[in-house]
C-alpha atoms as a PDB file:
ATOM      1  CA  VAL A   1      27.504 -17.313 -55.856  1.00  0.00           C
ATOM      2  CA  PHE A   2      30.203 -19.515 -57.412  1.00  0.00           C
ATOM      3  CA  VAL A   3      30.664 -21.484 -54.178  1.00  0.00           C
ATOM      4  CA  ASN A   4      26.912 -21.930 -53.730  1.00  0.00           C
ATOM      5  CA  THR A   5      25.841 -22.739 -57.285  1.00  0.00           C
ATOM      6  CA  ARG A   6      28.862 -24.279 -59.008  1.00  0.00           C
ATOM      7  CA  LEU A   7      30.580 -26.066 -56.135  1.00  0.00           C
ATOM      8  CA  ALA A   8      27.322 -26.778 -54.265  1.00  0.00           C
ATOM      9  CA  GLU A   9      29.024 -25.867 -51.008  1.00  0.00           C
ATOM     10  CA  THR A  10      27.975 -23.611 -48.167  1.00  0.00           C
ATOM     11  CA  PHE A  11      29.705 -20.264 -48.456  1.00  0.00           C
ATOM     12  CA  GLU A  12      31.300 -18.882 -45.321  1.00  0.00           C
ATOM     13  CA  GLU A  13      32.865 -15.456 -45.609  1.00  0.00           C
ATOM     14  CA  GLN A  14      36.435 -15.424 -44.353  1.00  0.00           C
ATOM     15  CA  GLY A  15      37.897 -12.519 -42.464  1.00  0.00           C
ATOM     16  CA  VAL A  16      40.230 -11.495 -39.673  1.00  0.00           C
ATOM     17  CA  LYS A  17      39.248 -13.102 -36.356  1.00  0.00           C
ATOM     18  CA  ALA A  18      40.674 -14.573 -33.183  1.00  0.00           C
ATOM     19  CA  ASP A  19      41.019 -18.368 -32.961  1.00  0.00           C
ATOM     20  CA  HIS A  20      38.816 -20.125 -30.392  1.00  0.00           C
ATOM     21  CA  GLN A  21      40.940 -23.280 -30.605  1.00  0.00           C
ATOM     22  CA  GLU A  22      44.024 -21.292 -29.632  1.00  0.00           C
ATOM     23  CA  LEU A  23      42.128 -19.802 -26.690  1.00  0.00           C
ATOM     24  CA  ALA A  24      41.132 -23.296 -25.572  1.00  0.00           C
ATOM     25  CA  ARG A  25      44.679 -24.601 -25.974  1.00  0.00           C
ATOM     26  CA  ARG A  26      46.141 -22.029 -23.596  1.00  0.00           C
ATOM     27  CA  ALA A  27      43.287 -22.119 -21.065  1.00  0.00           C
ATOM     28  CA  GLU A  28      44.517 -22.051 -17.473  1.00  0.00           C
ATOM     29  CA  ASP A  29      43.775 -24.052 -14.356  1.00  0.00           C
ATOM     30  CA  TYR A  30      41.982 -21.552 -12.155  1.00  0.00           C
ATOM     31  CA  GLU A  31      38.555 -22.112 -10.677  1.00  0.00           C
ATOM     32  CA  PRO A  32      35.645 -20.193 -12.271  1.00  0.00           C
ATOM     33  CA  GLY A  33      34.181 -17.762  -9.784  1.00  0.00           C
ATOM     34  CA  THR A  34      37.584 -16.965  -8.298  1.00  0.00           C
ATOM     35  CA  ALA A  35      39.995 -14.159  -9.157  1.00  0.00           C
ATOM     36  CA  PRO A  36      43.701 -14.886  -9.786  1.00  0.00           C
ATOM     37  CA  ARG A  37      46.244 -12.623  -8.095  1.00  0.00           C
ATOM     38  CA  GLY A  38      46.649 -10.282 -11.070  1.00  0.00           C
ATOM     39  CA  VAL A  39      42.995  -9.195 -10.903  1.00  0.00           C
ATOM     40  CA  LEU A  40      42.671  -5.710  -9.378  1.00  0.00           C
ATOM     41  CA  MET A  41      39.372  -4.604 -10.929  1.00  0.00           C
ATOM     42  CA  VAL A  42      36.140  -6.531 -11.607  1.00  0.00           C
ATOM     43  CA  SER A  43      33.280  -5.666 -13.951  1.00  0.00           C
ATOM     44  CA  MET A  44      30.290  -7.463 -15.422  1.00  0.00           C
ATOM     45  CA  GLY A  45      28.802  -7.460 -18.922  1.00  0.00           C
ATOM     46  CA  VAL A  46      25.217  -8.558 -19.545  1.00  0.00           C
ATOM     47  CA  ASP A  47      23.377  -9.498 -22.737  1.00  0.00           C
ATOM     48  CA  VAL A  48      19.568  -9.740 -22.867  1.00  0.00           C
ATOM     49  CA  GLN A  49      17.765 -12.324 -25.019  1.00  0.00           C
ATOM     50  CA  GLY A  50      14.083 -13.154 -25.387  1.00  0.00           C
ATOM     51  CA  ASP A  51      14.143 -16.112 -22.999  1.00  0.00           C
ATOM     52  CA  ARG A  52      17.192 -15.448 -20.823  1.00  0.00           C
ATOM     53  CA  ILE A  53      19.838 -13.100 -19.531  1.00  0.00           C
ATOM     54  CA  GLU A  54      23.519 -13.942 -19.987  1.00  0.00           C
ATOM     55  CA  ALA A  55      26.256 -12.447 -17.838  1.00  0.00           C
ATOM     56  CA  ARG A  56      30.041 -12.653 -17.747  1.00  0.00           C
ATOM     57  CA  VAL A  57      32.287 -11.468 -14.943  1.00  0.00           C
ATOM     58  CA  TRP A  58      35.715 -10.212 -16.025  1.00  0.00           C
ATOM     59  CA  GLY A  59      38.736  -9.192 -13.985  1.00  0.00           C
ATOM     60  CA  TYR A  60      41.397  -6.690 -15.074  1.00  0.00           C
ATOM     61  CA  GLY A  61      44.896  -5.820 -13.997  1.00  0.00           C
ATOM     62  CA  ARG A  62      47.887  -3.751 -14.995  1.00  0.00           C
ATOM     63  CA  GLY A  63      48.310  -3.196 -18.719  1.00  0.00           C
ATOM     64  CA  GLU A  64      44.617  -4.101 -19.164  1.00  0.00           C
ATOM     65  CA  GLU A  65      45.460  -7.785 -18.799  1.00  0.00           C
ATOM     66  CA  SER A  66      42.128  -9.576 -18.332  1.00  0.00           C
ATOM     67  CA  TRP A  67      40.717 -12.774 -16.808  1.00  0.00           C
ATOM     68  CA  LEU A  68      37.370 -14.410 -17.515  1.00  0.00           C
ATOM     69  CA  ILE A  69      36.099 -15.100 -13.998  1.00  0.00           C
ATOM     70  CA  SER A  70      32.709 -16.690 -14.642  1.00  0.00           C
ATOM     71  CA  ARG A  71      29.807 -17.134 -17.070  1.00  0.00           C
ATOM     72  CA  HIS A  72      26.127 -17.291 -16.143  1.00  0.00           C
ATOM     73  CA  ILE A  73      22.874 -17.973 -17.999  1.00  0.00           C
ATOM     74  CA  PHE A  74      19.597 -17.135 -16.286  1.00  0.00           C
ATOM     75  CA  TYR A  75      16.525 -18.446 -18.088  1.00  0.00           C
ATOM     76  CA  GLY A  76      13.222 -16.628 -17.824  1.00  0.00           C
ATOM     77  CA  ASP A  77      11.275 -13.780 -19.409  1.00  0.00           C
ATOM     78  CA  PRO A  78      13.201 -10.481 -19.052  1.00  0.00           C
ATOM     79  CA  ASN A  79       9.875  -8.641 -19.372  1.00  0.00           C
ATOM     80  CA  LEU A  80       8.967  -9.917 -15.900  1.00  0.00           C
ATOM     81  CA  GLU A  81       9.889  -7.463 -13.169  1.00  0.00           C
ATOM     82  CA  GLU A  82      12.534  -8.341 -10.638  1.00  0.00           C
ATOM     83  CA  GLY A  83      11.085 -10.219  -7.700  1.00  0.00           C
ATOM     84  CA  THR A  84       8.307 -11.949  -9.645  1.00  0.00           C
ATOM     85  CA  ASP A  85       8.307 -15.677 -10.367  1.00  0.00           C
ATOM     86  CA  GLY A  86      10.366 -16.560 -13.446  1.00  0.00           C
ATOM     87  CA  SER A  87      12.156 -13.214 -13.680  1.00  0.00           C
ATOM     88  CA  PRO A  88      15.867 -13.590 -14.539  1.00  0.00           C
ATOM     89  CA  TRP A  89      16.520 -10.118 -13.105  1.00  0.00           C
ATOM     90  CA  THR A  90      16.222 -11.561  -9.609  1.00  0.00           C
ATOM     91  CA  ASP A  91      19.063 -13.980 -10.379  1.00  0.00           C
ATOM     92  CA  LEU A  92      21.164 -11.189 -11.862  1.00  0.00           C
ATOM     93  CA  THR A  93      20.857  -9.107  -8.706  1.00  0.00           C
ATOM     94  CA  LYS A  94      21.892 -12.086  -6.599  1.00  0.00           C
ATOM     95  CA  LEU A  95      24.926 -12.634  -8.835  1.00  0.00           C
ATOM     96  CA  ARG A  96      25.994  -8.989  -8.634  1.00  0.00           C
ATOM     97  CA  ARG A  97      25.924  -9.186  -4.855  1.00  0.00           C
ATOM     98  CA  THR A  98      27.779 -12.499  -4.630  1.00  0.00           C
ATOM     99  CA  THR A  99      31.386 -12.086  -3.561  1.00  0.00           C
ATOM    100  CA  ILE A 100      34.325 -13.416  -5.573  1.00  0.00           C
ATOM    101  CA  LEU A 101      37.249 -14.999  -3.748  1.00  0.00           C
ATOM    102  CA  HIS A 102      40.547 -13.381  -4.735  1.00  0.00           C
ATOM    103  CA  GLN A 103      43.682 -15.520  -4.625  1.00  0.00           C
ATOM    104  CA  SER A 104      44.969 -13.324  -1.806  1.00  0.00           C
ATOM    105  CA  GLY A 105      41.952 -14.258   0.311  1.00  0.00           C
ATOM    106  CA  THR A 106      40.102 -10.956  -0.174  1.00  0.00           C
ATOM    107  CA  GLN A 107      36.425 -11.011  -1.140  1.00  0.00           C
ATOM    108  CA  LEU A 108      35.551  -8.895  -4.206  1.00  0.00           C
ATOM    109  CA  LEU A 109      32.328  -7.706  -5.822  1.00  0.00           C
ATOM    110  CA  PRO A 110      31.801  -6.498  -9.402  1.00  0.00           C
ATOM    111  CA  GLU A 111      32.296  -2.732  -9.272  1.00  0.00           C
ATOM    112  CA  VAL A 112      30.099  -1.998 -12.271  1.00  0.00           C
ATOM    113  CA  CYS A 113      27.575  -3.889 -14.397  1.00  0.00           C
ATOM    114  CA  CYS A 114      26.852  -2.897 -18.021  1.00  0.00           C
ATOM    115  CA  ILE A 115      23.626  -4.228 -19.568  1.00  0.00           C
ATOM    116  CA  ASP A 116      22.936  -4.164 -23.309  1.00  0.00           C
ATOM    117  CA  SER A 117      19.733  -2.222 -23.957  1.00  0.00           C
ATOM    118  CA  GLY A 118      19.522  -2.922 -27.668  1.00  0.00           C
ATOM    119  CA  TYR A 119      16.780  -5.498 -27.062  1.00  0.00           C
ATOM    120  CA  LEU A 120      13.875  -5.179 -24.598  1.00  0.00           C
ATOM    121  CA  SER A 121      15.082  -1.672 -23.851  1.00  0.00           C
ATOM    122  CA  ASN A 122      12.252  -0.772 -21.484  1.00  0.00           C
ATOM    123  CA  ALA A 123      12.932  -3.793 -19.252  1.00  0.00           C
ATOM    124  CA  VAL A 124      16.642  -2.922 -19.150  1.00  0.00           C
ATOM    125  CA  TYR A 125      15.942   0.733 -18.336  1.00  0.00           C
ATOM    126  CA  ASN A 126      13.629  -0.264 -15.494  1.00  0.00           C
ATOM    127  CA  TYR A 127      16.248  -2.530 -13.937  1.00  0.00           C
ATOM    128  CA  CYS A 128      19.087  -0.031 -14.374  1.00  0.00           C
ATOM    129  CA  ARG A 129      16.969   2.784 -12.958  1.00  0.00           C
ATOM    130  CA  ALA A 130      16.226   0.737  -9.843  1.00  0.00           C
ATOM    131  CA  HIS A 131      19.897  -0.186  -9.310  1.00  0.00           C
ATOM    132  CA  ALA A 132      21.688   2.941 -10.514  1.00  0.00           C
ATOM    133  CA  HIS A 133      23.154   3.438  -7.031  1.00  0.00           C
ATOM    134  CA  GLU A 134      25.005   0.116  -7.496  1.00  0.00           C
ATOM    135  CA  ARG A 135      26.644   1.249 -10.748  1.00  0.00           C
ATOM    136  CA  VAL A 136      24.325  -0.700 -13.017  1.00  0.00           C
ATOM    137  CA  LEU A 137      24.516   0.967 -16.443  1.00  0.00           C
ATOM    138  CA  ALA A 138      22.338   0.683 -19.518  1.00  0.00           C
ATOM    139  CA  VAL A 139      24.599   0.576 -22.588  1.00  0.00           C
ATOM    140  CA  ASP A 140      24.110   0.469 -26.334  1.00  0.00           C
ATOM    141  CA  GLY A 141      26.678  -0.684 -28.899  1.00  0.00           C
ATOM    142  CA  LEU A 142      26.936   1.776 -31.779  1.00  0.00           C
ATOM    143  CA  PRO A 143      28.855   1.457 -35.072  1.00  0.00           C
ATOM    144  CA  GLY A 144      31.428   3.833 -36.447  1.00  0.00           C
ATOM    145  CA  ASN A 145      34.616   5.409 -35.161  1.00  0.00           C
ATOM    146  CA  ARG A 146      33.621   6.001 -31.539  1.00  0.00           C
ATOM    147  CA  PRO A 147      35.348   5.856 -28.157  1.00  0.00           C
ATOM    148  CA  ALA A 148      35.033   2.614 -26.196  1.00  0.00           C
ATOM    149  CA  LEU A 149      32.642   4.380 -23.812  1.00  0.00           C
ATOM    150  CA  GLY A 150      31.038   7.676 -24.710  1.00  0.00           C
ATOM    151  CA  LYS A 151      29.078  10.394 -22.935  1.00  0.00           C
ATOM    152  CA  PRO A 152      25.727   9.171 -21.553  1.00  0.00           C
ATOM    153  CA  LYS A 153      22.329  10.520 -22.527  1.00  0.00           C
ATOM    154  CA  ALA A 154      19.357  10.907 -20.181  1.00  0.00           C
ATOM    155  CA  MET A 155      16.451   8.828 -21.457  1.00  0.00           C
ATOM    156  CA  ASP A 156      13.527   9.756 -19.185  1.00  0.00           C
ATOM    157  CA  ILE A 157      11.427  12.884 -19.725  1.00  0.00           C
ATOM    158  CA  THR A 158       8.656  14.482 -17.694  1.00  0.00           C
ATOM    159  CA  TRP A 159       5.139  15.204 -18.949  1.00  0.00           C
ATOM    160  CA  ARG A 160       6.436  18.693 -19.739  1.00  0.00           C
ATOM    161  CA  GLY A 161       8.918  17.219 -22.191  1.00  0.00           C
ATOM    162  CA  LYS A 162      11.938  17.995 -20.041  1.00  0.00           C
ATOM    163  CA  THR A 163      14.616  15.643 -18.785  1.00  0.00           C
ATOM    164  CA  SER A 164      13.685  13.940 -15.548  1.00  0.00           C
ATOM    165  CA  PRO A 165      16.148  14.690 -12.710  1.00  0.00           C
ATOM    166  CA  ARG A 166      16.277  10.973 -11.865  1.00  0.00           C
ATOM    167  CA  SER A 167      16.474   9.806 -15.453  1.00  0.00           C
ATOM    168  CA  VAL A 168      18.160   6.558 -16.393  1.00  0.00           C
ATOM    169  CA  LYS A 169      21.273   7.197 -18.465  1.00  0.00           C
ATOM    170  CA  LEU A 170      22.181   5.371 -21.661  1.00  0.00           C
ATOM    171  CA  TRP A 171      25.904   4.940 -22.242  1.00  0.00           C
ATOM    172  CA  PRO A 172      27.080   4.541 -25.878  1.00  0.00           C
ATOM    173  CA  VAL A 173      29.718   1.863 -26.500  1.00  0.00           C
ATOM    174  CA  GLY A 174      31.958   1.973 -29.571  1.00  0.00           C
ATOM    175  CA  ASP A 175      31.077  -1.444 -30.941  1.00  0.00           C
ATOM    176  CA  SER A 176      33.738  -1.640 -33.657  1.00  0.00           C
ATOM    177  CA  THR A 177      36.354   0.059 -31.497  1.00  0.00           C
ATOM    178  CA  VAL A 178      36.041  -2.446 -28.659  1.00  0.00           C
ATOM    179  CA  LYS A 179      35.822  -5.462 -30.982  1.00  0.00           C
ATOM    180  CA  HIS A 180      39.034  -4.413 -32.768  1.00  0.00           C
ATOM    181  CA  LEU A 181      40.715  -4.084 -29.391  1.00  0.00           C
ATOM    182  CA  LEU A 182      39.494  -7.365 -27.864  1.00  0.00           C
ATOM    183  CA  HIS A 183      40.000  -9.549 -30.942  1.00  0.00           C
ATOM    184  CA  GLY A 184      43.521  -8.220 -31.230  1.00  0.00           C
ATOM    185  CA  ARG A 185      44.185  -9.009 -27.598  1.00  0.00           C
ATOM    186  CA  MET A 186      42.806 -12.534 -27.892  1.00  0.00           C
ATOM    187  CA  ARG A 187      45.557 -13.165 -30.456  1.00  0.00           C
ATOM    188  CA  ILE A 188      48.298 -12.256 -27.959  1.00  0.00           C
ATOM    189  CA  THR A 189      50.084 -15.483 -27.016  1.00  0.00           C
ATOM    190  CA  GLN A 190      52.180 -14.467 -24.001  1.00  0.00           C
ATOM    191  CA  PRO A 191      50.845 -13.296 -20.601  1.00  0.00           C
ATOM    192  CA  GLY A 192      51.396  -9.617 -20.001  1.00  0.00           C
ATOM    193  CA  PRO A 193      49.772  -6.338 -21.073  1.00  0.00           C
ATOM    194  CA  GLY A 194      46.537  -6.977 -22.976  1.00  0.00           C
ATOM    195  CA  TYR A 195      46.658 -10.764 -22.589  1.00  0.00           C
ATOM    196  CA  VAL A 196      43.294 -12.549 -22.194  1.00  0.00           C
ATOM    197  CA  HIS A 197      43.206 -15.375 -19.633  1.00  0.00           C
ATOM    198  CA  VAL A 198      40.471 -18.030 -19.769  1.00  0.00           C
ATOM    199  CA  PRO A 199      39.773 -21.002 -17.441  1.00  0.00           C
ATOM    200  CA  GLN A 200      40.051 -24.651 -18.489  1.00  0.00           C
ATOM    201  CA  ALA A 201      36.611 -25.361 -17.022  1.00  0.00           C
ATOM    202  CA  TYR A 202      34.939 -23.779 -20.075  1.00  0.00           C
ATOM    203  CA  ARG A 203      36.772 -25.858 -22.680  1.00  0.00           C
ATOM    204  CA  ASP A 204      33.780 -28.183 -23.100  1.00  0.00           C
ATOM    205  CA  THR A 205      31.365 -25.302 -23.668  1.00  0.00           C
ATOM    206  CA  ASP A 206      30.973 -22.979 -26.656  1.00  0.00           C
ATOM    207  CA  GLU A 207      32.287 -20.031 -24.622  1.00  0.00           C
ATOM    208  CA  PHE A 208      35.518 -19.525 -26.555  1.00  0.00           C
ATOM    209  CA  GLU A 209      33.782 -19.977 -29.910  1.00  0.00           C
ATOM    210  CA  GLN A 210      31.226 -17.336 -28.946  1.00  0.00           C
ATOM    211  CA  MET A 211      33.996 -14.965 -27.921  1.00  0.00           C
ATOM    212  CA  THR A 212      35.699 -15.247 -31.313  1.00  0.00           C
ATOM    213  CA  CYS A 213      32.891 -16.013 -33.790  1.00  0.00           C
ATOM    214  CA  GLU A 214      32.657 -12.532 -35.321  1.00  0.00           C
ATOM    215  CA  ARG A 215      35.101 -11.682 -38.079  1.00  0.00           C
ATOM    216  CA  LEU A 216      36.282  -8.488 -39.725  1.00  0.00           C
ATOM    217  CA  VAL A 217      35.332  -8.526 -43.408  1.00  0.00           C
ATOM    218  CA  THR A 218      35.393  -6.032 -46.268  1.00  0.00           C
ATOM    219  CA  LYS A 219      32.016  -4.775 -47.429  1.00  0.00           C
ATOM    220  CA  TYR A 220      31.440  -2.568 -50.459  1.00  0.00           C
ATOM    221  CA  VAL A 221      28.966   0.280 -50.041  1.00  0.00           C
ATOM    222  CA  LYS A 222      28.328   2.262 -53.239  1.00  0.00           C
ATOM    223  CA  GLY A 223      31.648   1.049 -54.568  1.00  0.00           C
ATOM    224  CA  HIS A 224      33.635   1.985 -51.473  1.00  0.00           C
ATOM    225  CA  ALA A 225      35.343  -0.671 -49.339  1.00  0.00           C
ATOM    226  CA  ARG A 226      34.451  -0.656 -45.667  1.00  0.00           C
ATOM    227  CA  LEU A 227      35.558  -2.968 -42.869  1.00  0.00           C
ATOM    228  CA  GLU A 228      32.713  -4.385 -40.795  1.00  0.00           C
ATOM    229  CA  TRP A 229      32.326  -7.003 -38.075  1.00  0.00           C
ATOM    230  CA  HIS A 230      30.175  -9.874 -39.277  1.00  0.00           C
ATOM    231  CA  LYS A 231      28.558 -12.709 -37.309  1.00  0.00           C
ATOM    232  CA  PRO A 232      28.165 -15.890 -39.405  1.00  0.00           C
ATOM    233  CA  ALA A 233      24.613 -17.178 -39.698  1.00  0.00           C
ATOM    234  CA  GLY A 234      23.644 -19.621 -36.972  1.00  0.00           C
ATOM    235  CA  LYS A 235      26.500 -18.624 -34.665  1.00  0.00           C
ATOM    236  CA  ARG A 236      26.056 -17.279 -31.153  1.00  0.00           C
ATOM    237  CA  ASN A 237      28.050 -14.340 -29.823  1.00  0.00           C
ATOM    238  CA  GLU A 238      26.578 -13.607 -26.386  1.00  0.00           C
ATOM    239  CA  ALA A 239      29.944 -14.300 -24.730  1.00  0.00           C
ATOM    240  CA  GLY A 240      31.646 -11.810 -27.030  1.00  0.00           C
ATOM    241  CA  ASP A 241      29.008  -9.161 -26.368  1.00  0.00           C
ATOM    242  CA  CYS A 242      29.310  -9.665 -22.609  1.00  0.00           C
ATOM    243  CA  GLN A 243      33.089  -9.380 -22.863  1.00  0.00           C
ATOM    244  CA  LYS A 244      32.660  -6.140 -24.820  1.00  0.00           C
ATOM    245  CA  TYR A 245      30.302  -4.626 -22.259  1.00  0.00           C
ATOM    246  CA  ALA A 246      32.424  -5.762 -19.323  1.00  0.00           C
ATOM    247  CA  TYR A 247      35.341  -3.894 -20.899  1.00  0.00           C
ATOM    248  CA  ALA A 248      33.112  -0.829 -21.286  1.00  0.00           C
ATOM    249  CA  GLY A 249      32.488  -1.132 -17.557  1.00  0.00           C
ATOM    250  CA  ALA A 250      36.239  -1.177 -16.930  1.00  0.00           C
ATOM    251  CA  CYS A 251      36.472   2.018 -18.999  1.00  0.00           C
ATOM    252  CA  TYR A 252      33.797   3.542 -16.760  1.00  0.00           C
ATOM    253  CA  LEU A 253      36.073   2.731 -13.813  1.00  0.00           C
ATOM    254  CA  GLY A 254      38.936   4.529 -15.553  1.00  0.00           C
ATOM    255  CA  ILE A 255      41.099   1.642 -16.754  1.00  0.00           C
ATOM    256  CA  GLN A 256      42.205   3.474 -19.912  1.00  0.00           C
ATOM    257  CA  THR A 257      43.823   6.326 -17.983  1.00  0.00           C
ATOM    258  CA  MET A 258      44.838   4.479 -14.821  1.00  0.00           C
ATOM    259  CA  ARG A 259      48.480   4.960 -13.856  1.00  0.00           C
ATOM    260  CA  GLU A 260      50.760   2.876 -11.662  1.00  0.00           C
ATOM    261  CA  HIS A 261      49.941   4.835  -8.528  1.00  0.00           C
ATOM    262  CA  ALA A 262      46.241   3.948  -8.868  1.00  0.00           C
ATOM    263  CA  TRP A 263      47.026   0.298  -9.605  1.00  0.00           C
ATOM    264  CA  HIS A 264      49.310   0.207  -6.561  1.00  0.00           C
ATOM    265  CA  GLN A 265      46.530   1.571  -4.353  1.00  0.00           C
ATOM    266  CA  ARG A 266      44.176  -1.114  -5.621  1.00  0.00           C
ATOM    267  CA  GLU A 267      46.803  -3.773  -5.031  1.00  0.00           C
ATOM    268  CA  GLN A 268      47.380  -2.599  -1.466  1.00  0.00           C
ATOM    269  CA  ARG A 269      43.657  -2.803  -0.816  1.00  0.00           C
ATOM    270  CA  ILE A 270      42.972  -6.116  -2.577  1.00  0.00           C
ATOM    271  CA  ALA A 271      46.190  -8.131  -2.521  1.00  0.00           C
ATOM    272  CA  PRO A 272      48.793  -6.583  -0.212  1.00  0.00           C
ATOM    273  CA  ARG A 273      52.176  -8.183  -0.503  1.00  0.00           C
ATOM    274  CA  GLU A 274      53.669  -9.725   2.620  1.00  0.00           C
ATOM    275  CA  LEU A 275      56.552  -7.696   4.030  1.00  0.00           C
ATOM    276  CA  ASP A 276      59.908  -9.390   4.488  1.00  0.00           C
ATOM    277  CA  LEU A 277      60.711  -8.645   8.146  1.00  0.00           C
ATOM    278  CA  PHE A 278      64.028 -10.430   8.165  1.00  0.00           C
END
């Protein structure tokens, strides 16, 4: 109130957050749509808006080091079924099936795609139900102290009120848990475990600002302090949401419990090292 009424300035609540300018400063020279050598796992996070679908492809390696591979915005009405004119779902399917060139020369595909169902839920369920065999998951970010990816719940019921055997599943994502994790990692300044790599090609976009726009602030509820993630008014955070859901997809693939043997197997399949025969 003091800032608004006495100083006649716009109040912006400060809090703990990653710095988009620092992300831009250390952006790297790799081509969007390609996977650097350290990438051994690929997932996709998708956010649904009223007039478009936004998707981000992320790669992961040992120590949960991550690389932003590409960003995509498909305009159109998400209420339109896939295959009809103006449906962005058609573009999303094409993207999921488009190979990614790994630095080793191997062609990769996203292994899992997590789509936020918090908005236009029915349209998301319909798409996920049709593509469940391709590991397309409906997810929902939930507050509180939750695991990054929880146990799914069947959403479809029969006319008898029982769960349908082919029901779409809704996977809960620990919203605060993943945001704490990712914002902390975006503040890591040296490549290695947890480090977040981003390409120079997105410096002139608002990608890095969207990834870091939310901030951790203290809210008081009935006199008790509580930390909450807050998005400033007028700011966009689709990139951050897609990053969050892509990480949930990596958790679905087992990244949190993956040991060196499993990473080595992936490396042998994706980027085998040349043997020194001499």
